[in-house]
Amino acid sequence: MTDQNEPTESVAPVASDDLFGDWLPIETAPKGRKAVLVFRADRLCTFCATWDDITNEWRHFGGSSYPVGGEITHWMPLPSPPNGDDHQLGAEE
């Protein structure tokens, strides 16, 4: 059995890199309350996060607001949310 806290080879990108921009060095990320996607290298995972100017750390966005922790090395902007043309928000299927 593998340790669930260890990165595994099964972690693979779901979408083509052509759909998204390039990962940027974390030093270039916007500071403040703007949510971005961050990459935690020590766990090979991504999080939606915002920078906390008071504690000087990345925090989870959209619920817990706990510190992301670990080795955050890269970031990229989040895609735009869907609009009414892309999907009928709130419509039952």
PDB file of N, CA and C in Angstrom:
ATOM      1  N   MET A   1       0.854  -1.181   0.000  1.00  0.00           N
ATOM      2  CA  MET A   1       0.000   0.000   0.000  1.00  0.00           C
ATOM      3  C   MET A   1       0.897   1.240   0.000  1.00  0.00           C
ATOM      4  N   THR A   2       0.487   2.262  -0.759  1.00  0.00           N
ATOM      5  CA  THR A   2       1.269   3.493  -0.832  1.00  0.00           C
ATOM      6  C   THR A   2       0.784   4.486   0.203  1.00  0.00           C
ATOM      7  N   ASP A   3       1.686   5.345   0.620  1.00  0.00           N
ATOM      8  CA  ASP A   3       1.343   6.416   1.550  1.00  0.00           C
ATOM      9  C   ASP A   3       0.534   7.454   0.782  1.00  0.00           C
ATOM     10  N   GLN A   4      -0.685   7.734   1.225  1.00  0.00           N
ATOM     11  CA  GLN A   4      -1.542   8.660   0.488  1.00  0.00           C
ATOM     12  C   GLN A   4      -1.045  10.092   0.523  1.00  0.00           C
ATOM     13  N   ASN A   5      -0.049  10.390   1.348  1.00  0.00           N
ATOM     14  CA  ASN A   5       0.520  11.731   1.388  1.00  0.00           C
ATOM     15  C   ASN A   5       1.687  11.899   0.423  1.00  0.00           C
ATOM     16  N   GLU A   6       2.125  10.809  -0.208  1.00  0.00           N
ATOM     17  CA  GLU A   6       3.235  10.864  -1.147  1.00  0.00           C
ATOM     18  C   GLU A   6       2.723  11.104  -2.565  1.00  0.00           C
ATOM     19  N   PRO A   7       3.438  11.915  -3.356  1.00  0.00           N
ATOM     20  CA  PRO A   7       3.050  12.087  -4.757  1.00  0.00           C
ATOM     21  C   PRO A   7       3.151  10.752  -5.489  1.00  0.00           C
ATOM     22  N   THR A   8       2.307  10.539  -6.476  1.00  0.00           N
ATOM     23  CA  THR A   8       2.341   9.291  -7.234  1.00  0.00           C
ATOM     24  C   THR A   8       2.471   9.572  -8.717  1.00  0.00           C
ATOM     25  N   GLU A   9       2.871   8.550  -9.446  1.00  0.00           N
ATOM     26  CA  GLU A   9       2.982   8.658 -10.899  1.00  0.00           C
ATOM     27  C   GLU A   9       1.614   8.802 -11.553  1.00  0.00           C
ATOM     28  N   SER A  10       0.549   8.448 -10.839  1.00  0.00           N
ATOM     29  CA  SER A  10      -0.787   8.497 -11.432  1.00  0.00           C
ATOM     30  C   SER A  10      -1.322   9.915 -11.576  1.00  0.00           C
ATOM     31  N   VAL A  11      -0.634  10.882 -10.977  1.00  0.00           N
ATOM     32  CA  VAL A  11      -1.058  12.271 -11.127  1.00  0.00           C
ATOM     33  C   VAL A  11      -0.685  12.701 -12.540  1.00  0.00           C
ATOM     34  N   ALA A  12      -1.694  12.985 -13.340  1.00  0.00           N
ATOM     35  CA  ALA A  12      -1.449  13.347 -14.738  1.00  0.00           C
ATOM     36  C   ALA A  12      -2.356  14.495 -15.129  1.00  0.00           C
ATOM     37  N   PRO A  13      -1.906  15.338 -16.051  1.00  0.00           N
ATOM     38  CA  PRO A  13      -2.776  16.431 -16.491  1.00  0.00           C
ATOM     39  C   PRO A  13      -4.028  15.892 -17.172  1.00  0.00           C
ATOM     40  N   VAL A  14      -5.146  16.531 -16.913  1.00  0.00           N
ATOM     41  CA  VAL A  14      -6.418  16.112 -17.488  1.00  0.00           C
ATOM     42  C   VAL A  14      -6.645  16.780 -18.835  1.00  0.00           C
ATOM     43  N   ALA A  15      -6.207  18.007 -18.954  1.00  0.00           N
ATOM     44  CA  ALA A  15      -6.455  18.770 -20.184  1.00  0.00           C
ATOM     45  C   ALA A  15      -5.136  19.091 -20.873  1.00  0.00           C
ATOM     46  N   SER A  16      -5.222  19.341 -22.130  1.00  0.00           N
ATOM     47  CA  SER A  16      -4.057  19.709 -22.916  1.00  0.00           C
ATOM     48  C   SER A  16      -3.518  21.066 -22.466  1.00  0.00           C
ATOM     49  N   ASP A  17      -2.195  21.213 -22.516  1.00  0.00           N
ATOM     50  CA  ASP A  17      -1.580  22.501 -22.195  1.00  0.00           C
ATOM     51  C   ASP A  17      -2.038  23.595 -23.147  1.00  0.00           C
ATOM     52  N   ASP A  18      -2.530  23.207 -24.324  1.00  0.00           N
ATOM     53  CA  ASP A  18      -3.005  24.192 -25.294  1.00  0.00           C
ATOM     54  C   ASP A  18      -4.230  24.946 -24.787  1.00  0.00           C
ATOM     55  N   LEU A  19      -4.961  24.370 -23.847  1.00  0.00           N
ATOM     56  CA  LEU A  19      -6.169  25.012 -23.324  1.00  0.00           C
ATOM     57  C   LEU A  19      -5.864  26.062 -22.268  1.00  0.00           C
ATOM     58  N   PHE A  20      -4.691  25.983 -21.677  1.00  0.00           N
ATOM     59  CA  PHE A  20      -4.340  26.859 -20.569  1.00  0.00           C
ATOM     60  C   PHE A  20      -3.064  27.617 -20.886  1.00  0.00           C
ATOM     61  N   GLY A  21      -2.809  28.656 -20.106  1.00  0.00           N
ATOM     62  CA  GLY A  21      -1.563  29.385 -20.255  1.00  0.00           C
ATOM     63  C   GLY A  21      -0.420  28.622 -19.611  1.00  0.00           C
ATOM     64  N   ASP A  22       0.741  29.212 -19.637  1.00  0.00           N
ATOM     65  CA  ASP A  22       1.907  28.599 -19.023  1.00  0.00           C
ATOM     66  C   ASP A  22       1.910  28.832 -17.520  1.00  0.00           C
ATOM     67  N   TRP A  23       2.512  27.903 -16.793  1.00  0.00           N
ATOM     68  CA  TRP A  23       2.752  28.116 -15.367  1.00  0.00           C
ATOM     69  C   TRP A  23       3.816  29.201 -15.240  1.00  0.00           C
ATOM     70  N   LEU A  24       3.611  30.104 -14.305  1.00  0.00           N
ATOM     71  CA  LEU A  24       4.520  31.231 -14.088  1.00  0.00           C
ATOM     72  C   LEU A  24       5.190  31.093 -12.727  1.00  0.00           C
ATOM     73  N   PRO A  25       6.404  31.627 -12.561  1.00  0.00           N
ATOM     74  CA  PRO A  25       7.069  31.559 -11.260  1.00  0.00           C
ATOM     75  C   PRO A  25       6.216  32.239 -10.183  1.00  0.00           C
ATOM     76  N   ILE A  26       6.167  31.648  -9.007  1.00  0.00           N
ATOM     77  CA  ILE A  26       5.304  32.161  -7.936  1.00  0.00           C
ATOM     78  C   ILE A  26       5.675  33.593  -7.550  1.00  0.00           C
ATOM     79  N   GLU A  27       6.919  33.973  -7.768  1.00  0.00           N
ATOM     80  CA  GLU A  27       7.349  35.339  -7.441  1.00  0.00           C
ATOM     81  C   GLU A  27       6.612  36.387  -8.262  1.00  0.00           C
ATOM     82  N   THR A  28       6.035  35.993  -9.386  1.00  0.00           N
ATOM     83  CA  THR A  28       5.323  36.937 -10.249  1.00  0.00           C
ATOM     84  C   THR A  28       3.815  36.958  -9.996  1.00  0.00           C
ATOM     85  N   ALA A  29       3.341  36.153  -9.056  1.00  0.00           N
ATOM     86  CA  ALA A  29       1.895  36.057  -8.785  1.00  0.00           C
ATOM     87  C   ALA A  29       1.364  37.348  -8.173  1.00  0.00           C
ATOM     88  N   PRO A  30       0.110  37.692  -8.484  1.00  0.00           N
ATOM     89  CA  PRO A  30      -0.490  38.889  -7.887  1.00  0.00           C
ATOM     90  C   PRO A  30      -0.699  38.699  -6.391  1.00  0.00           C
ATOM     91  N   LYS A  31      -0.351  39.702  -5.642  1.00  0.00           N
ATOM     92  CA  LYS A  31      -0.583  39.669  -4.192  1.00  0.00           C
ATOM     93  C   LYS A  31      -1.925  40.333  -3.921  1.00  0.00           C
ATOM     94  N   GLY A  32      -2.555  39.966  -2.851  1.00  0.00           N
ATOM     95  CA  GLY A  32      -3.865  40.524  -2.536  1.00  0.00           C
ATOM     96  C   GLY A  32      -4.926  39.451  -2.609  1.00  0.00           C
ATOM     97  N   ARG A  33      -6.159  39.856  -2.782  1.00  0.00           N
ATOM     98  CA  ARG A  33      -7.285  38.930  -2.684  1.00  0.00           C
ATOM     99  C   ARG A  33      -7.704  38.310  -4.013  1.00  0.00           C
ATOM    100  N   LYS A  34      -6.894  38.425  -5.051  1.00  0.00           N
ATOM    101  CA  LYS A  34      -7.231  37.817  -6.347  1.00  0.00           C
ATOM    102  C   LYS A  34      -6.928  36.319  -6.304  1.00  0.00           C
ATOM    103  N   ALA A  35      -7.937  35.495  -6.598  1.00  0.00           N
ATOM    104  CA  ALA A  35      -7.756  34.043  -6.593  1.00  0.00           C
ATOM    105  C   ALA A  35      -6.998  33.597  -7.841  1.00  0.00           C
ATOM    106  N   VAL A  36      -6.026  32.716  -7.640  1.00  0.00           N
ATOM    107  CA  VAL A  36      -5.244  32.133  -8.727  1.00  0.00           C
ATOM    108  C   VAL A  36      -5.064  30.641  -8.448  1.00  0.00           C
ATOM    109  N   LEU A  37      -4.597  29.918  -9.446  1.00  0.00           N
ATOM    110  CA  LEU A  37      -4.268  28.510  -9.277  1.00  0.00           C
ATOM    111  C   LEU A  37      -2.794  28.428  -8.916  1.00  0.00           C
ATOM    112  N   VAL A  38      -2.464  27.757  -7.814  1.00  0.00           N
ATOM    113  CA  VAL A  38      -1.068  27.612  -7.401  1.00  0.00           C
ATOM    114  C   VAL A  38      -0.677  26.135  -7.435  1.00  0.00           C
ATOM    115  N   PHE A  39       0.616  25.883  -7.659  1.00  0.00           N
ATOM    116  CA  PHE A  39       1.154  24.525  -7.717  1.00  0.00           C
ATOM    117  C   PHE A  39       2.036  24.285  -6.507  1.00  0.00           C
ATOM    118  N   ARG A  40       1.733  23.227  -5.770  1.00  0.00           N
ATOM    119  CA  ARG A  40       2.529  22.839  -4.604  1.00  0.00           C
ATOM    120  C   ARG A  40       3.444  21.691  -5.023  1.00  0.00           C
ATOM    121  N   ALA A  41       4.726  21.991  -5.209  1.00  0.00           N
ATOM    122  CA  ALA A  41       5.682  21.045  -5.782  1.00  0.00           C
ATOM    123  C   ALA A  41       5.949  19.840  -4.885  1.00  0.00           C
ATOM    124  N   ASP A  42       5.932  20.020  -3.572  1.00  0.00           N
ATOM    125  CA  ASP A  42       6.247  18.898  -2.691  1.00  0.00           C
ATOM    126  C   ASP A  42       5.151  17.841  -2.659  1.00  0.00           C
ATOM    127  N   ARG A  43       3.949  18.172  -3.127  1.00  0.00           N
ATOM    128  CA  ARG A  43       2.835  17.214  -3.171  1.00  0.00           C
ATOM    129  C   ARG A  43       2.305  16.990  -4.585  1.00  0.00           C
ATOM    130  N   LEU A  44       2.880  17.678  -5.569  1.00  0.00           N
ATOM    131  CA  LEU A  44       2.435  17.579  -6.967  1.00  0.00           C
ATOM    132  C   LEU A  44       0.935  17.798  -7.096  1.00  0.00           C
ATOM    133  N   CYS A  45       0.447  18.900  -6.508  1.00  0.00           N
ATOM    134  CA  CYS A  45      -0.984  19.188  -6.585  1.00  0.00           C
ATOM    135  C   CYS A  45      -1.211  20.690  -6.734  1.00  0.00           C
ATOM    136  N   THR A  46      -2.422  21.032  -7.135  1.00  0.00           N
ATOM    137  CA  THR A  46      -2.788  22.424  -7.346  1.00  0.00           C
ATOM    138  C   THR A  46      -3.914  22.824  -6.408  1.00  0.00           C
ATOM    139  N   PHE A  47      -3.998  24.117  -6.147  1.00  0.00           N
ATOM    140  CA  PHE A  47      -5.033  24.675  -5.289  1.00  0.00           C
ATOM    141  C   PHE A  47      -5.458  26.026  -5.831  1.00  0.00           C
ATOM    142  N   CYS A  48      -6.704  26.370  -5.634  1.00  0.00           N
ATOM    143  CA  CYS A  48      -7.171  27.726  -5.855  1.00  0.00           C
ATOM    144  C   CYS A  48      -6.843  28.475  -4.567  1.00  0.00           C
ATOM    145  N   ALA A  49      -6.096  29.570  -4.684  1.00  0.00           N
ATOM    146  CA  ALA A  49      -5.605  30.245  -3.484  1.00  0.00           C
ATOM    147  C   ALA A  49      -5.557  31.756  -3.675  1.00  0.00           C
ATOM    148  N   THR A  50      -5.486  32.462  -2.553  1.00  0.00           N
ATOM    149  CA  THR A  50      -5.265  33.908  -2.536  1.00  0.00           C
ATOM    150  C   THR A  50      -4.105  34.198  -1.590  1.00  0.00           C
ATOM    151  N   TRP A  51      -3.444  35.328  -1.818  1.00  0.00           N
ATOM    152  CA  TRP A  51      -2.332  35.733  -0.961  1.00  0.00           C
ATOM    153  C   TRP A  51      -2.882  36.516   0.218  1.00  0.00           C
ATOM    154  N   ASP A  52      -2.415  36.215   1.417  1.00  0.00           N
ATOM    155  CA  ASP A  52      -2.818  36.926   2.629  1.00  0.00           C
ATOM    156  C   ASP A  52      -1.701  37.889   3.013  1.00  0.00           C
ATOM    157  N   ASP A  53      -1.961  39.198   2.864  1.00  0.00           N
ATOM    158  CA  ASP A  53      -0.951  40.215   3.169  1.00  0.00           C
ATOM    159  C   ASP A  53      -0.623  40.300   4.653  1.00  0.00           C
ATOM    160  N   ILE A  54      -1.525  39.876   5.509  1.00  0.00           N
ATOM    161  CA  ILE A  54      -1.290  39.957   6.954  1.00  0.00           C
ATOM    162  C   ILE A  54      -0.342  38.854   7.416  1.00  0.00           C
ATOM    163  N   THR A  55      -0.595  37.621   6.974  1.00  0.00           N
ATOM    164  CA  THR A  55       0.238  36.490   7.403  1.00  0.00           C
ATOM    165  C   THR A  55       1.347  36.155   6.408  1.00  0.00           C
ATOM    166  N   ASN A  56       1.337  36.829   5.246  1.00  0.00           N
ATOM    167  CA  ASN A  56       2.333  36.587   4.192  1.00  0.00           C
ATOM    168  C   ASN A  56       2.408  35.117   3.787  1.00  0.00           C
ATOM    169  N   GLU A  57       1.234  34.560   3.436  1.00  0.00           N
ATOM    170  CA  GLU A  57       1.193  33.170   2.988  1.00  0.00           C
ATOM    171  C   GLU A  57       0.005  32.959   2.056  1.00  0.00           C
ATOM    172  N   TRP A  58       0.084  31.905   1.255  1.00  0.00           N
ATOM    173  CA  TRP A  58      -1.013  31.519   0.379  1.00  0.00           C
ATOM    174  C   TRP A  58      -2.054  30.778   1.195  1.00  0.00           C
ATOM    175  N   ARG A  59      -3.337  31.111   0.956  1.00  0.00           N
ATOM    176  CA  ARG A  59      -4.440  30.468   1.674  1.00  0.00           C
ATOM    177  C   ARG A  59      -5.433  29.891   0.674  1.00  0.00           C
ATOM    178  N   HIS A  60      -6.013  28.738   1.041  1.00  0.00           N
ATOM    179  CA  HIS A  60      -7.047  28.116   0.205  1.00  0.00           C
ATOM    180  C   HIS A  60      -8.174  29.116  -0.021  1.00  0.00           C
ATOM    181  N   PHE A  61      -8.718  29.118  -1.226  1.00  0.00           N
ATOM    182  CA  PHE A  61      -9.806  30.018  -1.590  1.00  0.00           C
ATOM    183  C   PHE A  61     -11.080  29.208  -1.774  1.00  0.00           C
ATOM    184  N   GLY A  62     -12.186  29.746  -1.291  1.00  0.00           N
ATOM    185  CA  GLY A  62     -13.474  29.118  -1.553  1.00  0.00           C
ATOM    186  C   GLY A  62     -13.946  28.172  -0.484  1.00  0.00           C
ATOM    187  N   GLY A  63     -13.717  28.499   0.755  1.00  0.00           N
ATOM    188  CA  GLY A  63     -14.224  27.636   1.808  1.00  0.00           C
ATOM    189  C   GLY A  63     -13.411  27.723   3.080  1.00  0.00           C
ATOM    190  N   SER A  64     -12.330  26.973   3.120  1.00  0.00           N
ATOM    191  CA  SER A  64     -11.610  26.823   4.383  1.00  0.00           C
ATOM    192  C   SER A  64     -10.723  28.007   4.737  1.00  0.00           C
ATOM    193  N   SER A  65     -10.075  28.600   3.793  1.00  0.00           N
ATOM    194  CA  SER A  65      -9.078  29.664   3.955  1.00  0.00           C
ATOM    195  C   SER A  65      -7.893  29.243   4.826  1.00  0.00           C
ATOM    196  N   TYR A  66      -7.660  27.935   4.958  1.00  0.00           N
ATOM    197  CA  TYR A  66      -6.472  27.445   5.664  1.00  0.00           C
ATOM    198  C   TYR A  66      -5.235  27.746   4.829  1.00  0.00           C
ATOM    199  N   PRO A  67      -4.069  27.874   5.476  1.00  0.00           N
ATOM    200  CA  PRO A  67      -2.839  28.067   4.708  1.00  0.00           C
ATOM    201  C   PRO A  67      -2.593  26.881   3.775  1.00  0.00           C
ATOM    202  N   VAL A  68      -2.119  27.165   2.561  1.00  0.00           N
ATOM    203  CA  VAL A  68      -1.801  26.096   1.618  1.00  0.00           C
ATOM    204  C   VAL A  68      -0.571  25.334   2.104  1.00  0.00           C
ATOM    205  N   GLY A  69       0.424  26.059   2.611  1.00  0.00           N
ATOM    206  CA  GLY A  69       1.631  25.417   3.125  1.00  0.00           C
ATOM    207  C   GLY A  69       2.467  24.798   2.026  1.00  0.00           C
ATOM    208  N   GLY A  70       3.523  24.126   2.424  1.00  0.00           N
ATOM    209  CA  GLY A  70       4.367  23.415   1.475  1.00  0.00           C
ATOM    210  C   GLY A  70       5.166  24.332   0.577  1.00  0.00           C
ATOM    211  N   GLU A  71       5.667  23.753  -0.497  1.00  0.00           N
ATOM    212  CA  GLU A  71       6.535  24.453  -1.434  1.00  0.00           C
ATOM    213  C   GLU A  71       5.739  24.916  -2.656  1.00  0.00           C
ATOM    214  N   ILE A  72       5.206  26.142  -2.588  1.00  0.00           N
ATOM    215  CA  ILE A  72       4.453  26.723  -3.699  1.00  0.00           C
ATOM    216  C   ILE A  72       5.464  27.326  -4.670  1.00  0.00           C
ATOM    217  N   THR A  73       5.497  26.795  -5.900  1.00  0.00           N
ATOM    218  CA  THR A  73       6.529  27.218  -6.850  1.00  0.00           C
ATOM    219  C   THR A  73       6.001  27.960  -8.068  1.00  0.00           C
ATOM    220  N   HIS A  74       4.735  27.711  -8.455  1.00  0.00           N
ATOM    221  CA  HIS A  74       4.205  28.295  -9.685  1.00  0.00           C
ATOM    222  C   HIS A  74       2.742  28.687  -9.511  1.00  0.00           C
ATOM    223  N   TRP A  75       2.273  29.497 -10.455  1.00  0.00           N
ATOM    224  CA  TRP A  75       0.874  29.923 -10.442  1.00  0.00           C
ATOM    225  C   TRP A  75       0.400  30.143 -11.877  1.00  0.00           C
ATOM    226  N   MET A  76      -0.913  30.211 -12.045  1.00  0.00           N
ATOM    227  CA  MET A  76      -1.515  30.637 -13.313  1.00  0.00           C
ATOM    228  C   MET A  76      -2.874  31.250 -13.015  1.00  0.00           C
ATOM    229  N   PRO A  77      -3.337  32.162 -13.888  1.00  0.00           N
ATOM    230  CA  PRO A  77      -4.656  32.765 -13.676  1.00  0.00           C
ATOM    231  C   PRO A  77      -5.754  31.715 -13.833  1.00  0.00           C
ATOM    232  N   LEU A  78      -6.851  31.940 -13.151  1.00  0.00           N
ATOM    233  CA  LEU A  78      -8.025  31.081 -13.313  1.00  0.00           C
ATOM    234  C   LEU A  78      -8.728  31.435 -14.616  1.00  0.00           C
ATOM    235  N   PRO A  79      -9.392  30.476 -15.242  1.00  0.00           N
ATOM    236  CA  PRO A  79     -10.165  30.808 -16.442  1.00  0.00           C
ATOM    237  C   PRO A  79     -11.366  31.666 -16.072  1.00  0.00           C
ATOM    238  N   SER A  80     -11.926  32.328 -17.051  1.00  0.00           N
ATOM    239  CA  SER A  80     -13.145  33.106 -16.815  1.00  0.00           C
ATOM    240  C   SER A  80     -14.283  32.152 -16.468  1.00  0.00           C
ATOM    241  N   PRO A  81     -15.218  32.593 -15.627  1.00  0.00           N
ATOM    242  CA  PRO A  81     -16.365  31.730 -15.322  1.00  0.00           C
ATOM    243  C   PRO A  81     -17.251  31.578 -16.549  1.00  0.00           C
ATOM    244  N   PRO A  82     -18.055  30.523 -16.598  1.00  0.00           N
ATOM    245  CA  PRO A  82     -18.953  30.353 -17.739  1.00  0.00           C
ATOM    246  C   PRO A  82     -19.972  31.482 -17.792  1.00  0.00           C
ATOM    247  N   ASN A  83     -20.402  31.812 -19.001  1.00  0.00           N
ATOM    248  CA  ASN A  83     -21.461  32.811 -19.126  1.00  0.00           C
ATOM    249  C   ASN A  83     -22.724  32.112 -19.612  1.00  0.00           C
ATOM    250  N   GLY A  84     -23.784  32.843 -19.778  1.00  0.00           N
ATOM    251  CA  GLY A  84     -25.068  32.271 -20.181  1.00  0.00           C
ATOM    252  C   GLY A  84     -25.024  31.555 -21.513  1.00  0.00           C
ATOM    253  N   ASP A  85     -24.109  31.969 -22.403  1.00  0.00           N
ATOM    254  CA  ASP A  85     -24.002  31.316 -23.706  1.00  0.00           C
ATOM    255  C   ASP A  85     -23.347  29.939 -23.596  1.00  0.00           C
ATOM    256  N   ASP A  86     -22.430  29.797 -22.620  1.00  0.00           N
ATOM    257  CA  ASP A  86     -21.719  28.535 -22.460  1.00  0.00           C
ATOM    258  C   ASP A  86     -22.575  27.478 -21.777  1.00  0.00           C
ATOM    259  N   HIS A  87     -23.390  27.910 -20.842  1.00  0.00           N
ATOM    260  CA  HIS A  87     -24.160  26.973 -20.033  1.00  0.00           C
ATOM    261  C   HIS A  87     -25.264  27.754 -19.353  1.00  0.00           C
ATOM    262  N   GLN A  88     -26.419  27.180 -19.273  1.00  0.00           N
ATOM    263  CA  GLN A  88     -27.507  27.860 -18.572  1.00  0.00           C
ATOM    264  C   GLN A  88     -27.325  27.640 -17.082  1.00  0.00           C
ATOM    265  N   LEU A  89     -26.766  28.634 -16.427  1.00  0.00           N
ATOM    266  CA  LEU A  89     -26.494  28.524 -15.003  1.00  0.00           C
ATOM    267  C   LEU A  89     -27.783  28.352 -14.224  1.00  0.00           C
ATOM    268  N   GLY A  90     -27.812  27.351 -13.379  1.00  0.00           N
ATOM    269  CA  GLY A  90     -28.975  27.121 -12.527  1.00  0.00           C
ATOM    270  C   GLY A  90     -30.101  26.366 -13.196  1.00  0.00           C
ATOM    271  N   ALA A  91     -29.973  26.057 -14.462  1.00  0.00           N
ATOM    272  CA  ALA A  91     -31.049  25.340 -15.164  1.00  0.00           C
ATOM    273  C   ALA A  91     -30.987  23.857 -14.833  1.00  0.00           C
ATOM    274  N   GLU A  92     -32.149  23.257 -14.665  1.00  0.00           N
ATOM    275  CA  GLU A  92     -32.198  21.823 -14.413  1.00  0.00           C
ATOM    276  C   GLU A  92     -31.991  21.083 -15.717  1.00  0.00           C
ATOM    277  N   GLU A  93     -31.298  19.964 -15.624  1.00  0.00           N
ATOM    278  CA  GLU A  93     -31.041  19.172 -16.838  1.00  0.00           C
ATOM    279  C   GLU A  93     -31.974  18.000 -16.901  1.00  0.00           C
TER     280      GLU A  93
END
